mmCIF file of all heavy atoms, coordinates in Angstrom:
data_MODEL
# 
_entry.id   MODEL 
# 
loop_
_atom_site.group_PDB 
_atom_site.id 
_atom_site.type_symbol 
_atom_site.label_atom_id 
_atom_site.label_alt_id 
_atom_site.label_comp_id 
_atom_site.label_asym_id 
_atom_site.label_entity_id 
_atom_site.label_seq_id 
_atom_site.pdbx_PDB_ins_code 
_atom_site.Cartn_x 
_atom_site.Cartn_y 
_atom_site.Cartn_z 
_atom_site.occupancy 
_atom_site.B_iso_or_equiv 
_atom_site.pdbx_formal_charge 
_atom_site.auth_seq_id 
_atom_site.auth_comp_id 
_atom_site.auth_asym_id 
_atom_site.auth_atom_id 
_atom_site.pdbx_PDB_model_num 
ATOM 1   N N   . SER A 1 1  ? 18.463 5.243  -156.943 1.00 0.00 ? 1  SER A N   1 
ATOM 2   C CA  . SER A 1 1  ? 19.873 5.537  -156.777 1.00 0.00 ? 1  SER A CA  1 
ATOM 3   C C   . SER A 1 1  ? 20.290 6.304  -158.024 1.00 0.00 ? 1  SER A C   1 
ATOM 4   O O   . SER A 1 1  ? 20.039 5.863  -159.144 1.00 0.00 ? 1  SER A O   1 
ATOM 5   C CB  . SER A 1 1  ? 20.671 4.245  -156.657 1.00 0.00 ? 1  SER A CB  1 
ATOM 6   O OG  . SER A 1 1  ? 22.051 4.533  -156.609 1.00 0.00 ? 1  SER A OG  1 
ATOM 7   N N   . VAL A 1 2  ? 20.902 7.465  -157.815 1.00 0.00 ? 2  VAL A N   1 
ATOM 8   C CA  . VAL A 1 2  ? 21.270 8.315  -158.947 1.00 0.00 ? 2  VAL A CA  1 
ATOM 9   C C   . VAL A 1 2  ? 22.732 8.722  -158.835 1.00 0.00 ? 2  VAL A C   1 
ATOM 10  O O   . VAL A 1 2  ? 23.298 8.770  -157.744 1.00 0.00 ? 2  VAL A O   1 
ATOM 11  C CB  . VAL A 1 2  ? 20.355 9.559  -159.050 1.00 0.00 ? 2  VAL A CB  1 
ATOM 12  C CG1 . VAL A 1 2  ? 18.922 9.145  -159.345 1.00 0.00 ? 2  VAL A CG1 1 
ATOM 13  C CG2 . VAL A 1 2  ? 20.406 10.399 -157.786 1.00 0.00 ? 2  VAL A CG2 1 
ATOM 14  N N   . HIS A 1 3  ? 23.319 9.009  -159.974 1.00 0.00 ? 3  HIS A N   1 
ATOM 15  C CA  . HIS A 1 3  ? 24.733 9.390  -160.017 1.00 0.00 ? 3  HIS A CA  1 
ATOM 16  C C   . HIS A 1 3  ? 24.974 10.770 -159.416 1.00 0.00 ? 3  HIS A C   1 
ATOM 17  O O   . HIS A 1 3  ? 26.013 11.011 -158.818 1.00 0.00 ? 3  HIS A O   1 
ATOM 18  C CB  . HIS A 1 3  ? 25.240 9.330  -161.457 1.00 0.00 ? 3  HIS A CB  1 
ATOM 19  C CG  . HIS A 1 3  ? 26.700 9.633  -161.579 1.00 0.00 ? 3  HIS A CG  1 
ATOM 20  N ND1 . HIS A 1 3  ? 27.670 8.757  -161.154 1.00 0.00 ? 3  HIS A ND1 1 
ATOM 21  C CD2 . HIS A 1 3  ? 27.340 10.719 -162.058 1.00 0.00 ? 3  HIS A CD2 1 
ATOM 22  C CE1 . HIS A 1 3  ? 28.852 9.298  -161.368 1.00 0.00 ? 3  HIS A CE1 1 
ATOM 23  N NE2 . HIS A 1 3  ? 28.687 10.474 -161.922 1.00 0.00 ? 3  HIS A NE2 1 
ATOM 24  N N   . ASP A 1 4  ? 24.031 11.685 -159.562 1.00 0.00 ? 4  ASP A N   1 
ATOM 25  C CA  . ASP A 1 4  ? 24.165 13.046 -159.061 1.00 0.00 ? 4  ASP A CA  1 
ATOM 26  C C   . ASP A 1 4  ? 22.795 13.504 -158.562 1.00 0.00 ? 4  ASP A C   1 
ATOM 27  O O   . ASP A 1 4  ? 21.971 13.984 -159.331 1.00 0.00 ? 4  ASP A O   1 
ATOM 28  C CB  . ASP A 1 4  ? 24.663 13.958 -160.180 1.00 0.00 ? 4  ASP A CB  1 
ATOM 29  C CG  . ASP A 1 4  ? 24.925 15.387 -159.743 1.00 0.00 ? 4  ASP A CG  1 
ATOM 30  O OD1 . ASP A 1 4  ? 24.375 15.830 -158.714 1.00 0.00 ? 4  ASP A OD1 1 
ATOM 31  O OD2 . ASP A 1 4  ? 25.675 16.085 -160.452 1.00 0.00 ? 4  ASP A OD2 1 
ATOM 32  N N   . ALA A 1 5  ? 22.543 13.331 -157.267 1.00 0.00 ? 5  ALA A N   1 
ATOM 33  C CA  . ALA A 1 5  ? 21.222 13.598 -156.705 1.00 0.00 ? 5  ALA A CA  1 
ATOM 34  C C   . ALA A 1 5  ? 20.820 15.071 -156.830 1.00 0.00 ? 5  ALA A C   1 
ATOM 35  O O   . ALA A 1 5  ? 19.647 15.369 -157.059 1.00 0.00 ? 5  ALA A O   1 
ATOM 36  C CB  . ALA A 1 5  ? 21.154 13.154 -155.251 1.00 0.00 ? 5  ALA A CB  1 
ATOM 37  N N   . ARG A 1 6  ? 21.761 15.981 -156.703 1.00 0.00 ? 6  ARG A N   1 
ATOM 38  C CA  . ARG A 1 6  ? 21.415 17.396 -156.851 1.00 0.00 ? 6  ARG A CA  1 
ATOM 39  C C   . ARG A 1 6  ? 20.896 17.674 -158.268 1.00 0.00 ? 6  ARG A C   1 
ATOM 40  O O   . ARG A 1 6  ? 19.894 18.350 -158.460 1.00 0.00 ? 6  ARG A O   1 
ATOM 41  C CB  . ARG A 1 6  ? 22.611 18.271 -156.519 1.00 0.00 ? 6  ARG A CB  1 
ATOM 42  C CG  . ARG A 1 6  ? 22.894 18.345 -155.034 1.00 0.00 ? 6  ARG A CG  1 
ATOM 43  C CD  . ARG A 1 6  ? 24.212 19.079 -154.724 1.00 0.00 ? 6  ARG A CD  1 
ATOM 44  N NE  . ARG A 1 6  ? 24.440 19.145 -153.295 1.00 0.00 ? 6  ARG A NE  1 
ATOM 45  C CZ  . ARG A 1 6  ? 24.942 18.141 -152.558 1.00 0.00 ? 6  ARG A CZ  1 
ATOM 46  N NH1 . ARG A 1 6  ? 25.268 16.996 -153.122 1.00 0.00 ? 6  ARG A NH1 1 
ATOM 47  N NH2 . ARG A 1 6  ? 25.114 18.288 -151.255 1.00 0.00 ? 6  ARG A NH2 1 
ATOM 48  N N   . LYS A 1 7  ? 21.589 17.135 -159.255 1.00 0.00 ? 7  LYS A N   1 
ATOM 49  C CA  . LYS A 1 7  ? 21.168 17.296 -160.645 1.00 0.00 ? 7  LYS A CA  1 
ATOM 50  C C   . LYS A 1 7  ? 19.810 16.621 -160.867 1.00 0.00 ? 7  LYS A C   1 
ATOM 51  O O   . LYS A 1 7  ? 18.948 17.151 -161.565 1.00 0.00 ? 7  LYS A O   1 
ATOM 52  C CB  . LYS A 1 7  ? 22.227 16.695 -161.577 1.00 0.00 ? 7  LYS A CB  1 
ATOM 53  C CG  . LYS A 1 7  ? 21.930 16.841 -163.048 1.00 0.00 ? 7  LYS A CG  1 
ATOM 54  C CD  . LYS A 1 7  ? 23.076 16.274 -163.880 1.00 0.00 ? 7  LYS A CD  1 
ATOM 55  C CE  . LYS A 1 7  ? 22.783 16.354 -165.362 1.00 0.00 ? 7  LYS A CE  1 
ATOM 56  N NZ  . LYS A 1 7  ? 23.880 15.784 -166.160 1.00 0.00 ? 7  LYS A NZ  1 
ATOM 57  N N   . ALA A 1 8  ? 19.622 15.448 -160.282 1.00 0.00 ? 8  ALA A N   1 
ATOM 58  C CA  . ALA A 1 8  ? 18.351 14.729 -160.418 1.00 0.00 ? 8  ALA A CA  1 
ATOM 59  C C   . ALA A 1 8  ? 17.207 15.543 -159.824 1.00 0.00 ? 8  ALA A C   1 
ATOM 60  O O   . ALA A 1 8  ? 16.144 15.665 -160.448 1.00 0.00 ? 8  ALA A O   1 
ATOM 61  C CB  . ALA A 1 8  ? 18.432 13.362 -159.740 1.00 0.00 ? 8  ALA A CB  1 
ATOM 62  N N   . LEU A 1 9  ? 17.397 16.105 -158.653 1.00 0.00 ? 9  LEU A N   1 
ATOM 63  C CA  . LEU A 1 9  ? 16.348 16.909 -158.025 1.00 0.00 ? 9  LEU A CA  1 
ATOM 64  C C   . LEU A 1 9  ? 16.001 18.113 -158.886 1.00 0.00 ? 9  LEU A C   1 
ATOM 65  O O   . LEU A 1 9  ? 14.821 18.415 -159.098 1.00 0.00 ? 9  LEU A O   1 
ATOM 66  C CB  . LEU A 1 9  ? 16.776 17.344 -156.621 1.00 0.00 ? 9  LEU A CB  1 
ATOM 67  C CG  . LEU A 1 9  ? 16.838 16.221 -155.586 1.00 0.00 ? 9  LEU A CG  1 
ATOM 68  C CD1 . LEU A 1 9  ? 17.581 16.683 -154.339 1.00 0.00 ? 9  LEU A CD1 1 
ATOM 69  C CD2 . LEU A 1 9  ? 15.456 15.702 -155.247 1.00 0.00 ? 9  LEU A CD2 1 
ATOM 70  N N   . ASP A 1 10 ? 17.011 18.780 -159.415 1.00 0.00 ? 10 ASP A N   1 
ATOM 71  C CA  . ASP A 1 10 ? 16.762 19.925 -160.305 1.00 0.00 ? 10 ASP A CA  1 
ATOM 72  C C   . ASP A 1 10 ? 15.994 19.483 -161.554 1.00 0.00 ? 10 ASP A C   1 
ATOM 73  O O   . ASP A 1 10 ? 15.059 20.151 -161.989 1.00 0.00 ? 10 ASP A O   1 
ATOM 74  C CB  . ASP A 1 10 ? 18.080 20.589 -160.731 1.00 0.00 ? 10 ASP A CB  1 
ATOM 75  C CG  . ASP A 1 10 ? 18.759 21.331 -159.597 1.00 0.00 ? 10 ASP A CG  1 
ATOM 76  O OD1 . ASP A 1 10 ? 18.118 21.610 -158.558 1.00 0.00 ? 10 ASP A OD1 1 
ATOM 77  O OD2 . ASP A 1 10 ? 19.972 21.637 -159.756 1.00 0.00 ? 10 ASP A OD2 1 
ATOM 78  N N   . TYR A 1 11 ? 16.393 18.343 -162.125 1.00 0.00 ? 11 TYR A N   1 
ATOM 79  C CA  . TYR A 1 11 ? 15.738 17.847 -163.339 1.00 0.00 ? 11 TYR A CA  1 
ATOM 80  C C   . TYR A 1 11 ? 14.269 17.514 -163.069 1.00 0.00 ? 11 TYR A C   1 
ATOM 81  O O   . TYR A 1 11 ? 13.388 17.931 -163.822 1.00 0.00 ? 11 TYR A O   1 
ATOM 82  C CB  . TYR A 1 11 ? 16.461 16.619 -163.891 1.00 0.00 ? 11 TYR A CB  1 
ATOM 83  C CG  . TYR A 1 11 ? 15.745 16.044 -165.089 1.00 0.00 ? 11 TYR A CG  1 
ATOM 84  C CD1 . TYR A 1 11 ? 15.917 16.605 -166.350 1.00 0.00 ? 11 TYR A CD1 1 
ATOM 85  C CD2 . TYR A 1 11 ? 14.865 14.976 -164.960 1.00 0.00 ? 11 TYR A CD2 1 
ATOM 86  C CE1 . TYR A 1 11 ? 15.233 16.113 -167.457 1.00 0.00 ? 11 TYR A CE1 1 
ATOM 87  C CE2 . TYR A 1 11 ? 14.181 14.481 -166.060 1.00 0.00 ? 11 TYR A CE2 1 
ATOM 88  C CZ  . TYR A 1 11 ? 14.368 15.054 -167.302 1.00 0.00 ? 11 TYR A CZ  1 
ATOM 89  O OH  . TYR A 1 11 ? 13.678 14.567 -168.379 1.00 0.00 ? 11 TYR A OH  1 
ATOM 90  N N   . TYR A 1 12 ? 13.994 16.759 -162.028 1.00 0.00 ? 12 TYR A N   1 
ATOM 91  C CA  . TYR A 1 12 ? 12.615 16.341 -161.750 1.00 0.00 ? 12 TYR A CA  1 
ATOM 92  C C   . TYR A 1 12 ? 11.714 17.541 -161.455 1.00 0.00 ? 12 TYR A C   1 
ATOM 93  O O   . TYR A 1 12 ? 10.539 17.541 -161.812 1.00 0.00 ? 12 TYR A O   1 
ATOM 94  C CB  . TYR A 1 12 ? 12.566 15.315 -160.622 1.00 0.00 ? 12 TYR A CB  1 
ATOM 95  C CG  . TYR A 1 12 ? 13.277 14.028 -160.973 1.00 0.00 ? 12 TYR A CG  1 
ATOM 96  C CD1 . TYR A 1 12 ? 14.066 13.361 -160.055 1.00 0.00 ? 12 TYR A CD1 1 
ATOM 97  C CD2 . TYR A 1 12 ? 13.175 13.466 -162.245 1.00 0.00 ? 12 TYR A CD2 1 
ATOM 98  C CE1 . TYR A 1 12 ? 14.730 12.187 -160.381 1.00 0.00 ? 12 TYR A CE1 1 
ATOM 99  C CE2 . TYR A 1 12 ? 13.834 12.299 -162.586 1.00 0.00 ? 12 TYR A CE2 1 
ATOM 100 C CZ  . TYR A 1 12 ? 14.613 11.667 -161.643 1.00 0.00 ? 12 TYR A CZ  1 
ATOM 101 O OH  . TYR A 1 12 ? 15.268 10.506 -161.977 1.00 0.00 ? 12 TYR A OH  1 
ATOM 102 N N   . GLN A 1 13 ? 12.271 18.568 -160.841 1.00 0.00 ? 13 GLN A N   1 
ATOM 103 C CA  . GLN A 1 13 ? 11.487 19.782 -160.608 1.00 0.00 ? 13 GLN A CA  1 
ATOM 104 C C   . GLN A 1 13 ? 11.191 20.492 -161.918 1.00 0.00 ? 13 GLN A C   1 
ATOM 105 O O   . GLN A 1 13 ? 10.051 20.876 -162.186 1.00 0.00 ? 13 GLN A O   1 
ATOM 106 C CB  . GLN A 1 13 ? 12.231 20.697 -159.630 1.00 0.00 ? 13 GLN A CB  1 
ATOM 107 C CG  . GLN A 1 13 ? 12.246 20.139 -158.214 1.00 0.00 ? 13 GLN A CG  1 
ATOM 108 C CD  . GLN A 1 13 ? 13.168 20.899 -157.274 1.00 0.00 ? 13 GLN A CD  1 
ATOM 109 O OE1 . GLN A 1 13 ? 13.539 22.036 -157.533 1.00 0.00 ? 13 GLN A OE1 1 
ATOM 110 N NE2 . GLN A 1 13 ? 13.548 20.253 -156.183 1.00 0.00 ? 13 GLN A NE2 1 
ATOM 111 N N   . ALA A 1 14 ? 12.206 20.651 -162.772 1.00 0.00 ? 14 ALA A N   1 
ATOM 112 C CA  . ALA A 1 14 ? 12.022 21.372 -164.039 1.00 0.00 ? 14 ALA A CA  1 
ATOM 113 C C   . ALA A 1 14 ? 11.168 20.580 -165.026 1.00 0.00 ? 14 ALA A C   1 
ATOM 114 O O   . ALA A 1 14 ? 10.320 21.149 -165.715 1.00 0.00 ? 14 ALA A O   1 
ATOM 115 C CB  . ALA A 1 14 ? 13.388 21.683 -164.665 1.00 0.00 ? 14 ALA A CB  1 
ATOM 116 N N   . ALA A 1 15 ? 11.382 19.277 -165.106 1.00 0.00 ? 15 ALA A N   1 
ATOM 117 C CA  . ALA A 1 15 ? 10.705 18.453 -166.106 1.00 0.00 ? 15 ALA A CA  1 
ATOM 118 C C   . ALA A 1 15 ? 9.283  18.079 -165.709 1.00 0.00 ? 15 ALA A C   1 
ATOM 119 O O   . ALA A 1 15 ? 8.373  18.130 -166.532 1.00 0.00 ? 15 ALA A O   1 
ATOM 120 C CB  . ALA A 1 15 ? 11.515 17.182 -166.371 1.00 0.00 ? 15 ALA A CB  1 
ATOM 121 N N   . PHE A 1 16 ? 9.094  17.692 -164.451 1.00 0.00 ? 16 PHE A N   1 
ATOM 122 C CA  . PHE A 1 16 ? 7.832  17.100 -164.043 1.00 0.00 ? 16 PHE A CA  1 
ATOM 123 C C   . PHE A 1 16 ? 7.112  17.865 -162.929 1.00 0.00 ? 16 PHE A C   1 
ATOM 124 O O   . PHE A 1 16 ? 6.111  17.394 -162.409 1.00 0.00 ? 16 PHE A O   1 
ATOM 125 C CB  . PHE A 1 16 ? 8.050  15.650 -163.596 1.00 0.00 ? 16 PHE A CB  1 
ATOM 126 C CG  . PHE A 1 16 ? 8.743  14.800 -164.623 1.00 0.00 ? 16 PHE A CG  1 
ATOM 127 C CD1 . PHE A 1 16 ? 9.871  14.076 -164.296 1.00 0.00 ? 16 PHE A CD1 1 
ATOM 128 C CD2 . PHE A 1 16 ? 8.279  14.727 -165.937 1.00 0.00 ? 16 PHE A CD2 1 
ATOM 129 C CE1 . PHE A 1 16 ? 10.520 13.280 -165.242 1.00 0.00 ? 16 PHE A CE1 1 
ATOM 130 C CE2 . PHE A 1 16 ? 8.923  13.948 -166.892 1.00 0.00 ? 16 PHE A CE2 1 
ATOM 131 C CZ  . PHE A 1 16 ? 10.043 13.228 -166.541 1.00 0.00 ? 16 PHE A CZ  1 
ATOM 132 N N   . GLY A 1 17 ? 7.644  19.021 -162.553 1.00 0.00 ? 17 GLY A N   1 
ATOM 133 C CA  . GLY A 1 17 ? 7.001  19.799 -161.500 1.00 0.00 ? 17 GLY A CA  1 
ATOM 134 C C   . GLY A 1 17 ? 7.105  19.160 -160.127 1.00 0.00 ? 17 GLY A C   1 
ATOM 135 O O   . GLY A 1 17 ? 6.276  19.402 -159.250 1.00 0.00 ? 17 GLY A O   1 
ATOM 136 N N   . ALA A 1 18 ? 8.135  18.346 -159.917 1.00 0.00 ? 18 ALA A N   1 
ATOM 137 C CA  . ALA A 1 18 ? 8.315  17.690 -158.619 1.00 0.00 ? 18 ALA A CA  1 
ATOM 138 C C   . ALA A 1 18 ? 8.484  18.729 -157.519 1.00 0.00 ? 18 ALA A C   1 
ATOM 139 O O   . ALA A 1 18 ? 9.069  19.798 -157.738 1.00 0.00 ? 18 ALA A O   1 
ATOM 140 C CB  . ALA A 1 18 ? 9.540  16.771 -158.655 1.00 0.00 ? 18 ALA A CB  1 
ATOM 141 N N   . VAL A 1 19 ? 7.981  18.388 -156.353 1.00 0.00 ? 19 VAL A N   1 
ATOM 142 C CA  . VAL A 1 19 ? 8.131  19.234 -155.169 1.00 0.00 ? 19 VAL A CA  1 
ATOM 143 C C   . VAL A 1 19 ? 9.040  18.491 -154.200 1.00 0.00 ? 19 VAL A C   1 
ATOM 144 O O   . VAL A 1 19 ? 8.757  17.344 -153.831 1.00 0.00 ? 19 VAL A O   1 
ATOM 145 C CB  . VAL A 1 19 ? 6.761  19.515 -154.510 1.00 0.00 ? 19 VAL A CB  1 
ATOM 146 C CG1 . VAL A 1 19 ? 6.938  20.309 -153.227 1.00 0.00 ? 19 VAL A CG1 1 
ATOM 147 C CG2 . VAL A 1 19 ? 5.844  20.238 -155.484 1.00 0.00 ? 19 VAL A CG2 1 
ATOM 148 N N   . GLU A 1 20 ? 10.134 19.130 -153.825 1.00 0.00 ? 20 GLU A N   1 
ATOM 149 C CA  . GLU A 1 20 ? 11.060 18.512 -152.874 1.00 0.00 ? 20 GLU A CA  1 
ATOM 150 C C   . GLU A 1 20 ? 10.474 18.621 -151.476 1.00 0.00 ? 20 GLU A C   1 
ATOM 151 O O   . GLU A 1 20 ? 10.166 19.713 -151.000 1.00 0.00 ? 20 GLU A O   1 
ATOM 152 C CB  . GLU A 1 20 ? 12.420 19.198 -152.946 1.00 0.00 ? 20 GLU A CB  1 
ATOM 153 C CG  . GLU A 1 20 ? 13.461 18.525 -152.085 1.00 0.00 ? 20 GLU A CG  1 
ATOM 154 C CD  . GLU A 1 20 ? 14.849 19.116 -152.246 1.00 0.00 ? 20 GLU A CD  1 
ATOM 155 O OE1 . GLU A 1 20 ? 15.194 19.556 -153.369 1.00 0.00 ? 20 GLU A OE1 1 
ATOM 156 O OE2 . GLU A 1 20 ? 15.581 19.137 -151.251 1.00 0.00 ? 20 GLU A OE2 1 
ATOM 157 N N   . MET A 1 21 ? 10.341 17.476 -150.820 1.00 0.00 ? 21 MET A N   1 
ATOM 158 C CA  . MET A 1 21 ? 9.757  17.425 -149.489 1.00 0.00 ? 21 MET A CA  1 
ATOM 159 C C   . MET A 1 21 ? 10.823 17.421 -148.396 1.00 0.00 ? 21 MET A C   1 
ATOM 160 O O   . MET A 1 21 ? 10.592 17.940 -147.318 1.00 0.00 ? 21 MET A O   1 
ATOM 161 C CB  . MET A 1 21 ? 8.873  16.180 -149.344 1.00 0.00 ? 21 MET A CB  1 
ATOM 162 C CG  . MET A 1 21 ? 7.776  16.075 -150.411 1.00 0.00 ? 21 MET A CG  1 
ATOM 163 S SD  . MET A 1 21 ? 6.704  17.533 -150.500 1.00 0.00 ? 21 MET A SD  1 
ATOM 164 C CE  . MET A 1 21 ? 5.826  17.365 -148.962 1.00 0.00 ? 21 MET A CE  1 
ATOM 165 N N   . MET A 1 22 ? 11.946 16.811 -148.669 1.00 0.00 ? 22 MET A N   1 
ATOM 166 C CA  . MET A 1 22 ? 13.041 16.827 -147.696 1.00 0.00 ? 22 MET A CA  1 
ATOM 167 C C   . MET A 1 22 ? 14.333 16.392 -148.369 1.00 0.00 ? 22 MET A C   1 
ATOM 168 O O   . MET A 1 22 ? 14.311 15.763 -149.414 1.00 0.00 ? 22 MET A O   1 
ATOM 169 C CB  . MET A 1 22 ? 12.741 15.960 -146.473 1.00 0.00 ? 22 MET A CB  1 
ATOM 170 C CG  . MET A 1 22 ? 12.688 14.460 -146.696 1.00 0.00 ? 22 MET A CG  1 
ATOM 171 S SD  . MET A 1 22 ? 14.278 13.596 -146.538 1.00 0.00 ? 22 MET A SD  1 
ATOM 172 C CE  . MET A 1 22 ? 14.774 13.953 -144.890 1.00 0.00 ? 22 MET A CE  1 
ATOM 173 N N   . ARG A 1 23 ? 15.447 16.768 -147.718 1.00 0.00 ? 23 ARG A N   1 
ATOM 174 C CA  . ARG A 1 23 ? 16.778 16.414 -148.219 1.00 0.00 ? 23 ARG A CA  1 
ATOM 175 C C   . ARG A 1 23 ? 17.697 16.257 -147.019 1.00 0.00 ? 23 ARG A C   1 
ATOM 176 O O   . ARG A 1 23 ? 17.739 17.108 -146.139 1.00 0.00 ? 23 ARG A O   1 
ATOM 177 C CB  . ARG A 1 23 ? 17.291 17.534 -149.117 1.00 0.00 ? 23 ARG A CB  1 
ATOM 178 C CG  . ARG A 1 23 ? 18.682 17.311 -149.679 1.00 0.00 ? 23 ARG A CG  1 
ATOM 179 C CD  . ARG A 1 23 ? 19.229 18.528 -150.385 1.00 0.00 ? 23 ARG A CD  1 
ATOM 180 N NE  . ARG A 1 23 ? 18.421 18.923 -151.533 1.00 0.00 ? 23 ARG A NE  1 
ATOM 181 C CZ  . ARG A 1 23 ? 18.875 19.626 -152.556 1.00 0.00 ? 23 ARG A CZ  1 
ATOM 182 N NH1 . ARG A 1 23 ? 20.138 20.008 -152.593 1.00 0.00 ? 23 ARG A NH1 1 
ATOM 183 N NH2 . ARG A 1 23 ? 18.079 19.966 -153.546 1.00 0.00 ? 23 ARG A NH2 1 
ATOM 184 N N   . TRP A 1 24 ? 18.450 15.162 -146.997 1.00 0.00 ? 24 TRP A N   1 
ATOM 185 C CA  . TRP A 1 24 ? 19.456 14.963 -145.970 1.00 0.00 ? 24 TRP A CA  1 
ATOM 186 C C   . TRP A 1 24 ? 20.795 14.794 -146.677 1.00 0.00 ? 24 TRP A C   1 
ATOM 187 O O   . TRP A 1 24 ? 20.957 13.924 -147.539 1.00 0.00 ? 24 TRP A O   1 
ATOM 188 C CB  . TRP A 1 24 ? 19.165 13.720 -145.121 1.00 0.00 ? 24 TRP A CB  1 
ATOM 189 C CG  . TRP A 1 24 ? 20.234 13.466 -144.095 1.00 0.00 ? 24 TRP A CG  1 
ATOM 190 C CD1 . TRP A 1 24 ? 20.411 14.127 -142.916 1.00 0.00 ? 24 TRP A CD1 1 
ATOM 191 C CD2 . TRP A 1 24 ? 21.292 12.511 -144.179 1.00 0.00 ? 24 TRP A CD2 1 
ATOM 192 N NE1 . TRP A 1 24 ? 21.517 13.633 -142.259 1.00 0.00 ? 24 TRP A NE1 1 
ATOM 193 C CE2 . TRP A 1 24 ? 22.075 12.636 -143.018 1.00 0.00 ? 24 TRP A CE2 1 
ATOM 194 C CE3 . TRP A 1 24 ? 21.650 11.561 -145.135 1.00 0.00 ? 24 TRP A CE3 1 
ATOM 195 C CZ2 . TRP A 1 24 ? 23.187 11.851 -142.777 1.00 0.00 ? 24 TRP A CZ2 1 
ATOM 196 C CZ3 . TRP A 1 24 ? 22.771 10.779 -144.898 1.00 0.00 ? 24 TRP A CZ3 1 
ATOM 197 C CH2 . TRP A 1 24 ? 23.523 10.927 -143.721 1.00 0.00 ? 24 TRP A CH2 1 
# 
């Protein structure tokens, strides 16, 4: 659970190379 999911997704991609698989 995060305060700002859009910001979290951007952070995890930039910091850890996360790949977004889906978003609802």
